[in-house]
Amino acid sequence: MNKPMLKRLALALSLSISAVGMAQAATLKLSHVRPQGTAIDNDAKWFAGKVKEATDGKIKVKIYAANALGDYTVVQERVSMGAVDMAVQPPASGVDKRFQIIYMPYMVKDWDDARKVFAPGSAMRNTVSDLYAKQDIKVLGAWPVYFGGIALNKQVEGAADANVDKGVKVRVPPIKTFQMLADNTGYIGSPLPFSEAFTAVQTGVVDGVIGSGAEGYFASFRDVTKSYIPLNTHFEIWFLVINQERFNDLDADQQKALEAASLEFENRRWESAQTDQKANEKRLADAGATIVDVTPEQIDATADKVRANVWPEIMKDLGQDWAKDVLKDVVAR
């Protein structure tokens, strides 16, 4: 083989190797729902740094905070289609109502209990992964947020007593679970998108919000929150997800690096979440909100009422046999 031919082959090989290298490099867009500087934003930035380090800079994660790419329901659809690469946010039940299973109020009683229920490999975690997979989305990890409560723009008598009819209207996410939760804790649930919630409270369309916790209320509602009731209404957990095809496009080493960083991202949050919840309750108080004292007896009484009245209806709506199978380990504890 003559030298010109060898040079052409060498050049072709060089270009081929270069093209492979370029194909393996990627910038992944990651969306989340909170403003910059919040706990999830800081953790997302940590995750981005970890991924960059673990892949020698070939995989970069660009953070889009505060719903910059759309409301979480819209973002989930875009991750499914591949228009957004990644997200860390609550699951949206618009496409598949069975996602409501993770919002079952009073499903877990404390942080240790929550970690067991949602751990990788648990029945609940496998269920969530399966539901996402049907939308071409892969679950990489979880980000436990808080136990939920109720934020109001005024003081309300009997705010923590589920048997007191307050006559107070509160915004709830447009999910049946939260609508029934509000109704069974003595409030009047008004389903509204998250993007409309602050204005609704500010203008008096509703008098408060159910569906979040101290962290969420401080981040998005502190200017309109006059009292906070830490009633442990539900356990909020978000999932770190990626478009399945986007994940498949990465080489094996990059996939392993992404999964390892995701597991560490999750474990770090479990270690800090409980302390973070207390800190956010204090931030709400420092911002002018009254933190209502809630007794364990009031939480237990509310849990009993909600489990008796809400669970059967939600399980029926989701599919009795399916929901019963998913929740059997939870109920057995």
C-alpha atoms as a PDB file:
ATOM      1  CA  MET A   1       0.000   0.000   0.000  1.00  0.00           C
ATOM      2  CA  ASN A   2       1.483   3.336  -1.034  1.00  0.00           C
ATOM      3  CA  LYS A   3       2.063   6.270   1.291  1.00  0.00           C
ATOM      4  CA  PRO A   4      -0.801   8.487  -0.040  1.00  0.00           C
ATOM      5  CA  MET A   5      -3.209   5.633   0.605  1.00  0.00           C
ATOM      6  CA  LEU A   6      -1.848   5.136   4.124  1.00  0.00           C
ATOM      7  CA  LYS A   7      -2.222   8.839   4.831  1.00  0.00           C
ATOM      8  CA  ARG A   8      -5.828   8.783   3.639  1.00  0.00           C
ATOM      9  CA  LEU A   9      -6.595   5.773   5.848  1.00  0.00           C
ATOM     10  CA  ALA A  10      -4.918   7.415   8.825  1.00  0.00           C
ATOM     11  CA  LEU A  11      -6.910  10.580   8.262  1.00  0.00           C
ATOM     12  CA  ALA A  12     -10.148   8.632   7.951  1.00  0.00           C
ATOM     13  CA  LEU A  13      -9.365   6.714  11.147  1.00  0.00           C
ATOM     14  CA  SER A  14      -8.548   9.947  12.974  1.00  0.00           C
ATOM     15  CA  LEU A  15     -11.814  11.550  11.873  1.00  0.00           C
ATOM     16  CA  SER A  16     -13.727   8.441  12.917  1.00  0.00           C
ATOM     17  CA  ILE A  17     -12.183   8.441  16.384  1.00  0.00           C
ATOM     18  CA  SER A  18     -12.858  12.175  16.696  1.00  0.00           C
ATOM     19  CA  ALA A  19     -16.488  11.660  15.716  1.00  0.00           C
ATOM     20  CA  VAL A  20     -16.892   8.947  18.341  1.00  0.00           C
ATOM     21  CA  GLY A  21     -15.414  11.253  20.967  1.00  0.00           C
ATOM     22  CA  MET A  22     -17.810  14.017  19.974  1.00  0.00           C
ATOM     23  CA  ALA A  23     -20.758  11.618  20.115  1.00  0.00           C
ATOM     24  CA  GLN A  24     -19.848  10.658  23.657  1.00  0.00           C
ATOM     25  CA  ALA A  25     -19.724  14.259  24.848  1.00  0.00           C
ATOM     26  CA  ALA A  26     -23.031  15.740  25.952  1.00  0.00           C
ATOM     27  CA  THR A  27     -24.634  18.613  27.789  1.00  0.00           C
ATOM     28  CA  LEU A  28     -27.775  17.520  29.605  1.00  0.00           C
ATOM     29  CA  LYS A  29     -30.472  20.039  30.475  1.00  0.00           C
ATOM     30  CA  LEU A  30     -31.817  19.452  33.995  1.00  0.00           C
ATOM     31  CA  SER A  31     -34.983  21.198  35.204  1.00  0.00           C
ATOM     32  CA  HIS A  32     -36.201  21.718  38.758  1.00  0.00           C
ATOM     33  CA  VAL A  33     -39.008  23.686  40.360  1.00  0.00           C
ATOM     34  CA  ARG A  34     -37.350  25.859  42.988  1.00  0.00           C
ATOM     35  CA  PRO A  35     -35.528  29.219  42.795  1.00  0.00           C
ATOM     36  CA  GLN A  36     -31.761  29.460  42.659  1.00  0.00           C
ATOM     37  CA  GLY A  37     -30.017  29.093  46.001  1.00  0.00           C
ATOM     38  CA  THR A  38     -32.588  26.701  47.482  1.00  0.00           C
ATOM     39  CA  ALA A  39     -31.670  23.242  48.765  1.00  0.00           C
ATOM     40  CA  ILE A  40     -32.561  21.410  45.567  1.00  0.00           C
ATOM     41  CA  ASP A  41     -30.758  23.995  43.448  1.00  0.00           C
ATOM     42  CA  ASN A  42     -27.606  23.586  45.526  1.00  0.00           C
ATOM     43  CA  ASP A  43     -27.864  19.789  45.389  1.00  0.00           C
ATOM     44  CA  ALA A  44     -28.475  19.873  41.633  1.00  0.00           C
ATOM     45  CA  LYS A  45     -25.336  21.956  41.207  1.00  0.00           C
ATOM     46  CA  TRP A  46     -23.410  19.472  43.357  1.00  0.00           C
ATOM     47  CA  PHE A  47     -24.738  16.668  41.145  1.00  0.00           C
ATOM     48  CA  ALA A  48     -23.694  18.508  37.988  1.00  0.00           C
ATOM     49  CA  GLY A  49     -20.185  18.942  39.369  1.00  0.00           C
ATOM     50  CA  LYS A  50     -19.979  15.297  40.362  1.00  0.00           C
ATOM     51  CA  VAL A  51     -21.064  14.110  36.921  1.00  0.00           C
ATOM     52  CA  LYS A  52     -18.590  16.400  35.182  1.00  0.00           C
ATOM     53  CA  GLU A  53     -15.768  15.162  37.407  1.00  0.00           C
ATOM     54  CA  ALA A  54     -16.693  11.489  37.027  1.00  0.00           C
ATOM     55  CA  THR A  55     -16.846  11.706  33.227  1.00  0.00           C
ATOM     56  CA  ASP A  56     -13.715  13.829  32.787  1.00  0.00           C
ATOM     57  CA  GLY A  57     -15.865  16.690  31.571  1.00  0.00           C
ATOM     58  CA  LYS A  58     -17.498  14.743  28.748  1.00  0.00           C
ATOM     59  CA  ILE A  59     -20.938  14.931  30.376  1.00  0.00           C
ATOM     60  CA  LYS A  60     -22.057  18.340  31.567  1.00  0.00           C
ATOM     61  CA  VAL A  61     -25.342  19.048  33.327  1.00  0.00           C
ATOM     62  CA  LYS A  62     -26.861  22.491  32.845  1.00  0.00           C
ATOM     63  CA  ILE A  63     -29.319  23.509  35.565  1.00  0.00           C
ATOM     64  CA  TYR A  64     -32.593  25.280  34.778  1.00  0.00           C
ATOM     65  CA  ALA A  65     -34.126  26.473  38.057  1.00  0.00           C
ATOM     66  CA  ALA A  66     -37.561  27.796  38.987  1.00  0.00           C
ATOM     67  CA  ASN A  67     -39.574  26.084  36.237  1.00  0.00           C
ATOM     68  CA  ALA A  68     -37.550  27.889  33.558  1.00  0.00           C
ATOM     69  CA  LEU A  69     -38.357  25.073  31.116  1.00  0.00           C
ATOM     70  CA  GLY A  70     -42.017  24.870  32.127  1.00  0.00           C
ATOM     71  CA  ASP A  71     -44.268  23.701  34.940  1.00  0.00           C
ATOM     72  CA  TYR A  72     -43.333  20.254  36.276  1.00  0.00           C
ATOM     73  CA  THR A  73     -46.281  18.658  34.476  1.00  0.00           C
ATOM     74  CA  VAL A  74     -45.083  20.118  31.179  1.00  0.00           C
ATOM     75  CA  VAL A  75     -41.462  19.208  31.895  1.00  0.00           C
ATOM     76  CA  GLN A  76     -42.391  15.574  32.531  1.00  0.00           C
ATOM     77  CA  GLU A  77     -44.004  15.445  29.093  1.00  0.00           C
ATOM     78  CA  ARG A  78     -40.914  17.051  27.576  1.00  0.00           C
ATOM     79  CA  VAL A  79     -38.579  14.582  29.274  1.00  0.00           C
ATOM     80  CA  SER A  80     -40.759  11.796  27.914  1.00  0.00           C
ATOM     81  CA  MET A  81     -40.363  13.197  24.387  1.00  0.00           C
ATOM     82  CA  GLY A  82     -36.659  14.010  24.822  1.00  0.00           C
ATOM     83  CA  ALA A  83     -37.119  17.763  24.503  1.00  0.00           C
ATOM     84  CA  VAL A  84     -35.747  18.114  28.053  1.00  0.00           C
ATOM     85  CA  ASP A  85     -33.031  15.679  29.077  1.00  0.00           C
ATOM     86  CA  MET A  86     -33.444  15.491  32.846  1.00  0.00           C
ATOM     87  CA  ALA A  87     -35.490  16.749  35.763  1.00  0.00           C
ATOM     88  CA  VAL A  88     -35.714  16.459  39.519  1.00  0.00           C
ATOM     89  CA  GLN A  89     -39.308  17.170  40.543  1.00  0.00           C
ATOM     90  CA  PRO A  90     -42.544  15.589  41.764  1.00  0.00           C
ATOM     91  CA  PRO A  91     -44.211  13.080  39.439  1.00  0.00           C
ATOM     92  CA  ALA A  92     -47.168  14.412  37.463  1.00  0.00           C
ATOM     93  CA  SER A  93     -50.241  12.203  37.305  1.00  0.00           C
ATOM     94  CA  GLY A  94     -51.861  13.807  34.251  1.00  0.00           C
ATOM     95  CA  VAL A  95     -50.736  11.064  31.868  1.00  0.00           C
ATOM     96  CA  ASP A  96     -50.967   8.213  34.373  1.00  0.00           C
ATOM     97  CA  LYS A  97     -53.153   8.720  37.436  1.00  0.00           C
ATOM     98  CA  ARG A  98     -51.436   5.837  39.194  1.00  0.00           C
ATOM     99  CA  PHE A  99     -48.609   8.220  40.116  1.00  0.00           C
ATOM    100  CA  GLN A 100     -51.014   9.399  42.824  1.00  0.00           C
ATOM    101  CA  ILE A 101     -49.969   6.313  44.803  1.00  0.00           C
ATOM    102  CA  ILE A 102     -46.893   8.101  46.149  1.00  0.00           C
ATOM    103  CA  TYR A 103     -49.056  10.971  47.422  1.00  0.00           C
ATOM    104  CA  MET A 104     -51.193   8.741  49.635  1.00  0.00           C
ATOM    105  CA  PRO A 105     -51.544  10.897  52.760  1.00  0.00           C
ATOM    106  CA  TYR A 106     -50.141   9.493  55.980  1.00  0.00           C
ATOM    107  CA  MET A 107     -48.515   6.586  54.157  1.00  0.00           C
ATOM    108  CA  VAL A 108     -45.322   6.898  56.214  1.00  0.00           C
ATOM    109  CA  LYS A 109     -44.999   7.994  59.810  1.00  0.00           C
ATOM    110  CA  ASP A 110     -41.414   9.256  60.150  1.00  0.00           C
ATOM    111  CA  TRP A 111     -38.143   9.727  58.287  1.00  0.00           C
ATOM    112  CA  ASP A 112     -36.805   6.224  58.934  1.00  0.00           C
ATOM    113  CA  ASP A 113     -40.087   4.771  57.734  1.00  0.00           C
ATOM    114  CA  ALA A 114     -40.007   6.933  54.597  1.00  0.00           C
ATOM    115  CA  ARG A 115     -36.479   5.852  53.718  1.00  0.00           C
ATOM    116  CA  LYS A 116     -37.462   2.190  53.894  1.00  0.00           C
ATOM    117  CA  VAL A 117     -40.603   2.659  51.804  1.00  0.00           C
ATOM    118  CA  PHE A 118     -38.894   4.629  49.023  1.00  0.00           C
ATOM    119  CA  ALA A 119     -35.458   2.970  49.047  1.00  0.00           C
ATOM    120  CA  PRO A 120     -34.003   1.665  45.775  1.00  0.00           C
ATOM    121  CA  GLY A 121     -35.343  -1.841  45.241  1.00  0.00           C
ATOM    122  CA  SER A 122     -38.415  -1.330  47.440  1.00  0.00           C
ATOM    123  CA  ALA A 123     -41.877  -2.184  46.113  1.00  0.00           C
ATOM    124  CA  MET A 124     -42.806   1.494  45.991  1.00  0.00           C
ATOM    125  CA  ARG A 125     -39.603   2.518  44.220  1.00  0.00           C
ATOM    126  CA  ASN A 126     -40.004  -0.269  41.662  1.00  0.00           C
ATOM    127  CA  THR A 127     -43.587   0.820  41.055  1.00  0.00           C
ATOM    128  CA  VAL A 128     -42.526   4.423  40.458  1.00  0.00           C
ATOM    129  CA  SER A 129     -39.761   3.295  38.088  1.00  0.00           C
ATOM    130  CA  ASP A 130     -42.203   1.122  36.146  1.00  0.00           C
ATOM    131  CA  LEU A 131     -44.700   3.968  35.769  1.00  0.00           C
ATOM    132  CA  TYR A 132     -42.001   6.321  34.518  1.00  0.00           C
ATOM    133  CA  ALA A 133     -40.661   3.653  32.154  1.00  0.00           C
ATOM    134  CA  LYS A 134     -44.015   3.571  30.372  1.00  0.00           C
ATOM    135  CA  GLN A 135     -43.323   7.206  29.443  1.00  0.00           C
ATOM    136  CA  ASP A 136     -39.779   6.466  28.200  1.00  0.00           C
ATOM    137  CA  ILE A 137     -38.298   7.979  31.358  1.00  0.00           C
ATOM    138  CA  LYS A 138     -35.644   6.368  33.540  1.00  0.00           C
ATOM    139  CA  VAL A 139     -35.458   6.962  37.299  1.00  0.00           C
ATOM    140  CA  LEU A 140     -31.893   7.656  38.411  1.00  0.00           C
ATOM    141  CA  GLY A 141     -32.531   8.624  42.018  1.00  0.00           C
ATOM    142  CA  ALA A 142     -34.808  10.253  44.536  1.00  0.00           C
ATOM    143  CA  TRP A 143     -34.731  13.493  46.507  1.00  0.00           C
ATOM    144  CA  PRO A 144     -36.782  13.381  49.736  1.00  0.00           C
ATOM    145  CA  VAL A 145     -38.196  16.818  50.431  1.00  0.00           C
ATOM    146  CA  TYR A 146     -40.307  17.030  53.595  1.00  0.00           C
ATOM    147  CA  PHE A 147     -43.412  16.018  55.474  1.00  0.00           C
ATOM    148  CA  GLY A 148     -46.192  18.293  54.315  1.00  0.00           C
ATOM    149  CA  GLY A 149     -48.286  20.837  56.141  1.00  0.00           C
ATOM    150  CA  ILE A 150     -50.773  23.631  55.609  1.00  0.00           C
ATOM    151  CA  ALA A 151     -49.884  27.290  54.987  1.00  0.00           C
ATOM    152  CA  LEU A 152     -52.539  29.957  55.579  1.00  0.00           C
ATOM    153  CA  ASN A 153     -52.648  33.710  55.063  1.00  0.00           C
ATOM    154  CA  LYS A 154     -54.404  34.156  58.414  1.00  0.00           C
ATOM    155  CA  GLN A 155     -54.884  32.564  61.823  1.00  0.00           C
ATOM    156  CA  VAL A 156     -57.609  29.903  61.907  1.00  0.00           C
ATOM    157  CA  GLU A 157     -59.295  28.428  64.957  1.00  0.00           C
ATOM    158  CA  GLY A 158     -58.852  24.661  65.222  1.00  0.00           C
ATOM    159  CA  ALA A 159     -56.355  24.682  62.346  1.00  0.00           C
ATOM    160  CA  ALA A 160     -54.880  21.277  63.342  1.00  0.00           C
ATOM    161  CA  ASP A 161     -58.194  19.598  64.266  1.00  0.00           C
ATOM    162  CA  ALA A 162     -59.466  17.490  61.363  1.00  0.00           C
ATOM    163  CA  ASN A 163     -62.967  17.455  62.848  1.00  0.00           C
ATOM    164  CA  VAL A 164     -63.373  21.247  62.848  1.00  0.00           C
ATOM    165  CA  ASP A 165     -65.004  22.719  59.752  1.00  0.00           C
ATOM    166  CA  LYS A 166     -62.949  25.869  59.161  1.00  0.00           C
ATOM    167  CA  GLY A 167     -64.851  27.197  56.153  1.00  0.00           C
ATOM    168  CA  VAL A 168     -61.447  28.131  54.696  1.00  0.00           C
ATOM    169  CA  LYS A 169     -60.620  27.562  51.035  1.00  0.00           C
ATOM    170  CA  VAL A 170     -57.107  26.328  50.224  1.00  0.00           C
ATOM    171  CA  ARG A 171     -55.315  25.676  46.968  1.00  0.00           C
ATOM    172  CA  VAL A 172     -54.547  22.017  46.322  1.00  0.00           C
ATOM    173  CA  PRO A 173     -52.665  20.465  43.385  1.00  0.00           C
ATOM    174  CA  PRO A 174     -55.081  19.256  40.695  1.00  0.00           C
ATOM    175  CA  ILE A 175     -54.901  15.719  42.040  1.00  0.00           C
ATOM    176  CA  LYS A 176     -57.815  13.901  43.653  1.00  0.00           C
ATOM    177  CA  THR A 177     -55.688  12.774  46.594  1.00  0.00           C
ATOM    178  CA  PHE A 178     -55.036  16.336  47.756  1.00  0.00           C
ATOM    179  CA  GLN A 179     -58.609  17.433  47.096  1.00  0.00           C
ATOM    180  CA  MET A 180     -59.886  14.702  49.415  1.00  0.00           C
ATOM    181  CA  LEU A 181     -57.099  15.380  51.928  1.00  0.00           C
ATOM    182  CA  ALA A 182     -58.205  19.009  52.250  1.00  0.00           C
ATOM    183  CA  ASP A 183     -61.864  18.053  52.574  1.00  0.00           C
ATOM    184  CA  ASN A 184     -61.081  15.522  55.310  1.00  0.00           C
ATOM    185  CA  THR A 185     -58.997  17.909  57.378  1.00  0.00           C
ATOM    186  CA  GLY A 186     -61.765  20.506  57.629  1.00  0.00           C
ATOM    187  CA  TYR A 187     -60.712  22.723  54.728  1.00  0.00           C
ATOM    188  CA  ILE A 188     -62.231  23.374  51.304  1.00  0.00           C
ATOM    189  CA  GLY A 189     -59.912  22.199  48.544  1.00  0.00           C
ATOM    190  CA  SER A 190     -59.631  24.327  45.398  1.00  0.00           C
ATOM    191  CA  PRO A 191     -57.544  22.664  42.635  1.00  0.00           C
ATOM    192  CA  LEU A 192     -55.197  25.131  40.922  1.00  0.00           C
ATOM    193  CA  PRO A 193     -51.942  24.791  38.972  1.00  0.00           C
ATOM    194  CA  PHE A 194     -48.839  25.663  40.963  1.00  0.00           C
ATOM    195  CA  SER A 195     -48.144  28.605  38.662  1.00  0.00           C
ATOM    196  CA  GLU A 196     -51.415  30.251  39.787  1.00  0.00           C
ATOM    197  CA  ALA A 197     -51.185  29.430  43.496  1.00  0.00           C
ATOM    198  CA  PHE A 198     -49.275  32.459  44.812  1.00  0.00           C
ATOM    199  CA  THR A 199     -51.514  34.979  43.048  1.00  0.00           C
ATOM    200  CA  ALA A 200     -54.596  33.100  44.242  1.00  0.00           C
ATOM    201  CA  VAL A 201     -53.487  33.445  47.881  1.00  0.00           C
ATOM    202  CA  GLN A 202     -52.280  37.023  47.414  1.00  0.00           C
ATOM    203  CA  THR A 203     -55.611  38.147  45.914  1.00  0.00           C
ATOM    204  CA  GLY A 204     -57.773  36.212  48.357  1.00  0.00           C
ATOM    205  CA  VAL A 205     -59.159  33.689  45.870  1.00  0.00           C
ATOM    206  CA  VAL A 206     -57.971  31.117  48.417  1.00  0.00           C
ATOM    207  CA  ASP A 207     -56.763  31.558  51.991  1.00  0.00           C
ATOM    208  CA  GLY A 208     -53.900  29.115  51.928  1.00  0.00           C
ATOM    209  CA  VAL A 209     -52.183  26.136  50.382  1.00  0.00           C
ATOM    210  CA  ILE A 210     -52.087  22.385  50.921  1.00  0.00           C
ATOM    211  CA  GLY A 211     -49.694  20.174  49.006  1.00  0.00           C
ATOM    212  CA  SER A 212     -46.293  21.432  50.098  1.00  0.00           C
ATOM    213  CA  GLY A 213     -44.192  21.715  53.253  1.00  0.00           C
ATOM    214  CA  ALA A 214     -42.098  24.300  55.054  1.00  0.00           C
ATOM    215  CA  GLU A 215     -39.382  24.273  52.377  1.00  0.00           C
ATOM    216  CA  GLY A 216     -41.837  24.844  49.564  1.00  0.00           C
ATOM    217  CA  TYR A 217     -43.833  27.458  51.440  1.00  0.00           C
ATOM    218  CA  PHE A 218     -40.736  29.390  52.387  1.00  0.00           C
ATOM    219  CA  ALA A 219     -39.378  29.256  48.842  1.00  0.00           C
ATOM    220  CA  SER A 220     -42.598  30.267  47.105  1.00  0.00           C
ATOM    221  CA  PHE A 221     -45.208  31.527  49.605  1.00  0.00           C
ATOM    222  CA  ARG A 222     -43.442  33.156  52.543  1.00  0.00           C
ATOM    223  CA  ASP A 223     -44.793  36.623  51.704  1.00  0.00           C
ATOM    224  CA  VAL A 224     -48.387  35.378  52.012  1.00  0.00           C
ATOM    225  CA  THR A 225     -47.988  32.853  54.838  1.00  0.00           C
ATOM    226  CA  LYS A 226     -49.183  34.020  58.256  1.00  0.00           C
ATOM    227  CA  SER A 227     -49.510  30.603  59.885  1.00  0.00           C
ATOM    228  CA  TYR A 228     -48.085  27.165  59.206  1.00  0.00           C
ATOM    229  CA  ILE A 229     -49.568  23.907  60.494  1.00  0.00           C
ATOM    230  CA  PRO A 230     -46.996  21.037  60.414  1.00  0.00           C
ATOM    231  CA  LEU A 231     -49.622  18.310  60.276  1.00  0.00           C
ATOM    232  CA  ASN A 232     -47.460  15.803  58.340  1.00  0.00           C
ATOM    233  CA  THR A 233     -50.180  15.612  55.684  1.00  0.00           C
ATOM    234  CA  HIS A 234     -48.072  13.645  53.229  1.00  0.00           C
ATOM    235  CA  PHE A 235     -44.488  12.755  52.471  1.00  0.00           C
ATOM    236  CA  GLU A 236     -43.047  14.665  49.546  1.00  0.00           C
ATOM    237  CA  ILE A 237     -40.396  12.963  47.476  1.00  0.00           C
ATOM    238  CA  TRP A 238     -39.092  13.986  44.053  1.00  0.00           C
ATOM    239  CA  PHE A 239     -37.352  11.832  41.502  1.00  0.00           C
ATOM    240  CA  LEU A 240     -34.251  12.472  39.460  1.00  0.00           C
ATOM    241  CA  VAL A 241     -35.171  11.293  35.976  1.00  0.00           C
ATOM    242  CA  ILE A 242     -33.710  11.216  32.482  1.00  0.00           C
ATOM    243  CA  ASN A 243     -35.122  10.520  29.053  1.00  0.00           C
ATOM    244  CA  GLN A 244     -34.510   6.820  28.433  1.00  0.00           C
ATOM    245  CA  GLU A 245     -33.152   7.230  24.905  1.00  0.00           C
ATOM    246  CA  ARG A 246     -30.828  10.010  26.066  1.00  0.00           C
ATOM    247  CA  PHE A 247     -29.491   7.671  28.726  1.00  0.00           C
ATOM    248  CA  ASN A 248     -29.107   4.862  26.198  1.00  0.00           C
ATOM    249  CA  ASP A 249     -27.035   7.161  23.971  1.00  0.00           C
ATOM    250  CA  LEU A 250     -24.344   7.432  26.650  1.00  0.00           C
ATOM    251  CA  ASP A 251     -21.585   4.852  26.671  1.00  0.00           C
ATOM    252  CA  ALA A 252     -21.471   2.236  29.427  1.00  0.00           C
ATOM    253  CA  ASP A 253     -18.896   4.055  31.560  1.00  0.00           C
ATOM    254  CA  GLN A 254     -20.865   7.300  31.373  1.00  0.00           C
ATOM    255  CA  GLN A 255     -24.063   5.508  32.357  1.00  0.00           C
ATOM    256  CA  LYS A 256     -22.334   4.000  35.388  1.00  0.00           C
ATOM    257  CA  ALA A 257     -20.912   7.391  36.361  1.00  0.00           C
ATOM    258  CA  LEU A 258     -24.332   9.004  36.077  1.00  0.00           C
ATOM    259  CA  GLU A 259     -25.966   6.270  38.173  1.00  0.00           C
ATOM    260  CA  ALA A 260     -23.253   6.434  40.836  1.00  0.00           C
ATOM    261  CA  ALA A 261     -23.570  10.219  41.102  1.00  0.00           C
ATOM    262  CA  SER A 262     -27.356   9.866  41.320  1.00  0.00           C
ATOM    263  CA  LEU A 263     -27.147   7.378  44.205  1.00  0.00           C
ATOM    264  CA  GLU A 264     -24.778   9.663  46.100  1.00  0.00           C
ATOM    265  CA  PHE A 265     -27.091  12.618  45.326  1.00  0.00           C
ATOM    266  CA  GLU A 266     -29.945  10.671  46.928  1.00  0.00           C
ATOM    267  CA  ASN A 267     -28.050   9.419  49.983  1.00  0.00           C
ATOM    268  CA  ARG A 268     -26.706  12.892  50.768  1.00  0.00           C
ATOM    269  CA  ARG A 269     -30.245  14.244  50.817  1.00  0.00           C
ATOM    270  CA  TRP A 270     -31.571  11.552  53.160  1.00  0.00           C
ATOM    271  CA  GLU A 271     -28.879  12.593  55.622  1.00  0.00           C
ATOM    272  CA  SER A 272     -29.806  16.286  55.508  1.00  0.00           C
ATOM    273  CA  ALA A 273     -33.556  16.386  54.786  1.00  0.00           C
ATOM    274  CA  GLN A 274     -34.888  16.159  58.357  1.00  0.00           C
ATOM    275  CA  THR A 275     -32.605  18.906  59.621  1.00  0.00           C
ATOM    276  CA  ASP A 276     -33.458  20.957  56.572  1.00  0.00           C
ATOM    277  CA  GLN A 277     -37.167  20.659  57.344  1.00  0.00           C
ATOM    278  CA  LYS A 278     -36.684  22.087  60.833  1.00  0.00           C
ATOM    279  CA  ALA A 279     -34.539  24.881  59.428  1.00  0.00           C
ATOM    280  CA  ASN A 280     -37.247  25.824  56.942  1.00  0.00           C
ATOM    281  CA  GLU A 281     -39.902  25.928  59.649  1.00  0.00           C
ATOM    282  CA  LYS A 282     -37.654  28.373  61.475  1.00  0.00           C
ATOM    283  CA  ARG A 283     -37.216  30.409  58.289  1.00  0.00           C
ATOM    284  CA  LEU A 284     -40.982  30.658  57.953  1.00  0.00           C
ATOM    285  CA  ALA A 285     -41.210  31.824  61.561  1.00  0.00           C
ATOM    286  CA  ASP A 286     -38.444  34.373  61.021  1.00  0.00           C
ATOM    287  CA  ALA A 287     -40.363  35.635  57.982  1.00  0.00           C
ATOM    288  CA  GLY A 288     -43.386  36.336  60.190  1.00  0.00           C
ATOM    289  CA  ALA A 289     -45.414  33.128  60.155  1.00  0.00           C
ATOM    290  CA  THR A 290     -46.804  31.568  63.310  1.00  0.00           C
ATOM    291  CA  ILE A 291     -45.886  27.890  63.575  1.00  0.00           C
ATOM    292  CA  VAL A 292     -48.943  26.212  65.059  1.00  0.00           C
ATOM    293  CA  ASP A 293     -48.247  23.615  67.744  1.00  0.00           C
ATOM    294  CA  VAL A 294     -49.473  20.224  66.572  1.00  0.00           C
ATOM    295  CA  THR A 295     -49.593  17.304  68.976  1.00  0.00           C
ATOM    296  CA  PRO A 296     -48.827  13.683  68.045  1.00  0.00           C
ATOM    297  CA  GLU A 297     -52.420  12.898  69.030  1.00  0.00           C
ATOM    298  CA  GLN A 298     -53.751  15.380  66.467  1.00  0.00           C
ATOM    299  CA  ILE A 299     -51.540  13.879  63.763  1.00  0.00           C
ATOM    300  CA  ASP A 300     -52.667  10.346  64.676  1.00  0.00           C
ATOM    301  CA  ALA A 301     -56.330  11.377  64.705  1.00  0.00           C
ATOM    302  CA  THR A 302     -55.992  13.053  61.320  1.00  0.00           C
ATOM    303  CA  ALA A 303     -54.135  10.046  59.918  1.00  0.00           C
ATOM    304  CA  ASP A 304     -56.866   7.669  61.096  1.00  0.00           C
ATOM    305  CA  LYS A 305     -59.608   9.799  59.542  1.00  0.00           C
ATOM    306  CA  VAL A 306     -57.773  10.257  56.247  1.00  0.00           C
ATOM    307  CA  ARG A 307     -56.835   6.594  55.922  1.00  0.00           C
ATOM    308  CA  ALA A 308     -60.430   5.583  56.583  1.00  0.00           C
ATOM    309  CA  ASN A 309     -62.057   8.092  54.225  1.00  0.00           C
ATOM    310  CA  VAL A 310     -59.472   8.930  51.553  1.00  0.00           C
ATOM    311  CA  TRP A 311     -57.525   5.737  50.967  1.00  0.00           C
ATOM    312  CA  PRO A 312     -60.449   3.547  49.829  1.00  0.00           C
ATOM    313  CA  GLU A 313     -61.579   6.140  47.280  1.00  0.00           C
ATOM    314  CA  ILE A 314     -58.103   6.712  45.892  1.00  0.00           C
ATOM    315  CA  MET A 315     -57.383   2.980  45.703  1.00  0.00           C
ATOM    316  CA  LYS A 316     -60.640   2.462  43.842  1.00  0.00           C
ATOM    317  CA  ASP A 317     -59.734   5.250  41.443  1.00  0.00           C
ATOM    318  CA  LEU A 318     -56.261   3.834  40.790  1.00  0.00           C
ATOM    319  CA  GLY A 319     -57.427   0.253  40.461  1.00  0.00           C
ATOM    320  CA  GLN A 320     -58.270  -1.638  43.644  1.00  0.00           C
ATOM    321  CA  ASP A 321     -56.170  -4.731  42.998  1.00  0.00           C
ATOM    322  CA  TRP A 322     -53.174  -2.803  41.659  1.00  0.00           C
ATOM    323  CA  ALA A 323     -53.143  -0.306  44.544  1.00  0.00           C
ATOM    324  CA  LYS A 324     -53.669  -2.998  47.156  1.00  0.00           C
ATOM    325  CA  ASP A 325     -50.693  -4.941  45.806  1.00  0.00           C
ATOM    326  CA  VAL A 326     -48.443  -1.868  45.805  1.00  0.00           C
ATOM    327  CA  LEU A 327     -49.469  -0.830  49.313  1.00  0.00           C
ATOM    328  CA  LYS A 328     -49.470  -4.286  50.932  1.00  0.00           C
ATOM    329  CA  ASP A 329     -45.961  -3.867  52.375  1.00  0.00           C
ATOM    330  CA  VAL A 330     -46.791  -0.374  53.604  1.00  0.00           C
ATOM    331  CA  VAL A 331     -49.997  -1.476  55.315  1.00  0.00           C
ATOM    332  CA  ALA A 332     -48.272  -4.503  56.863  1.00  0.00           C
ATOM    333  CA  ARG A 333     -45.708  -2.370  58.734  1.00  0.00           C
END
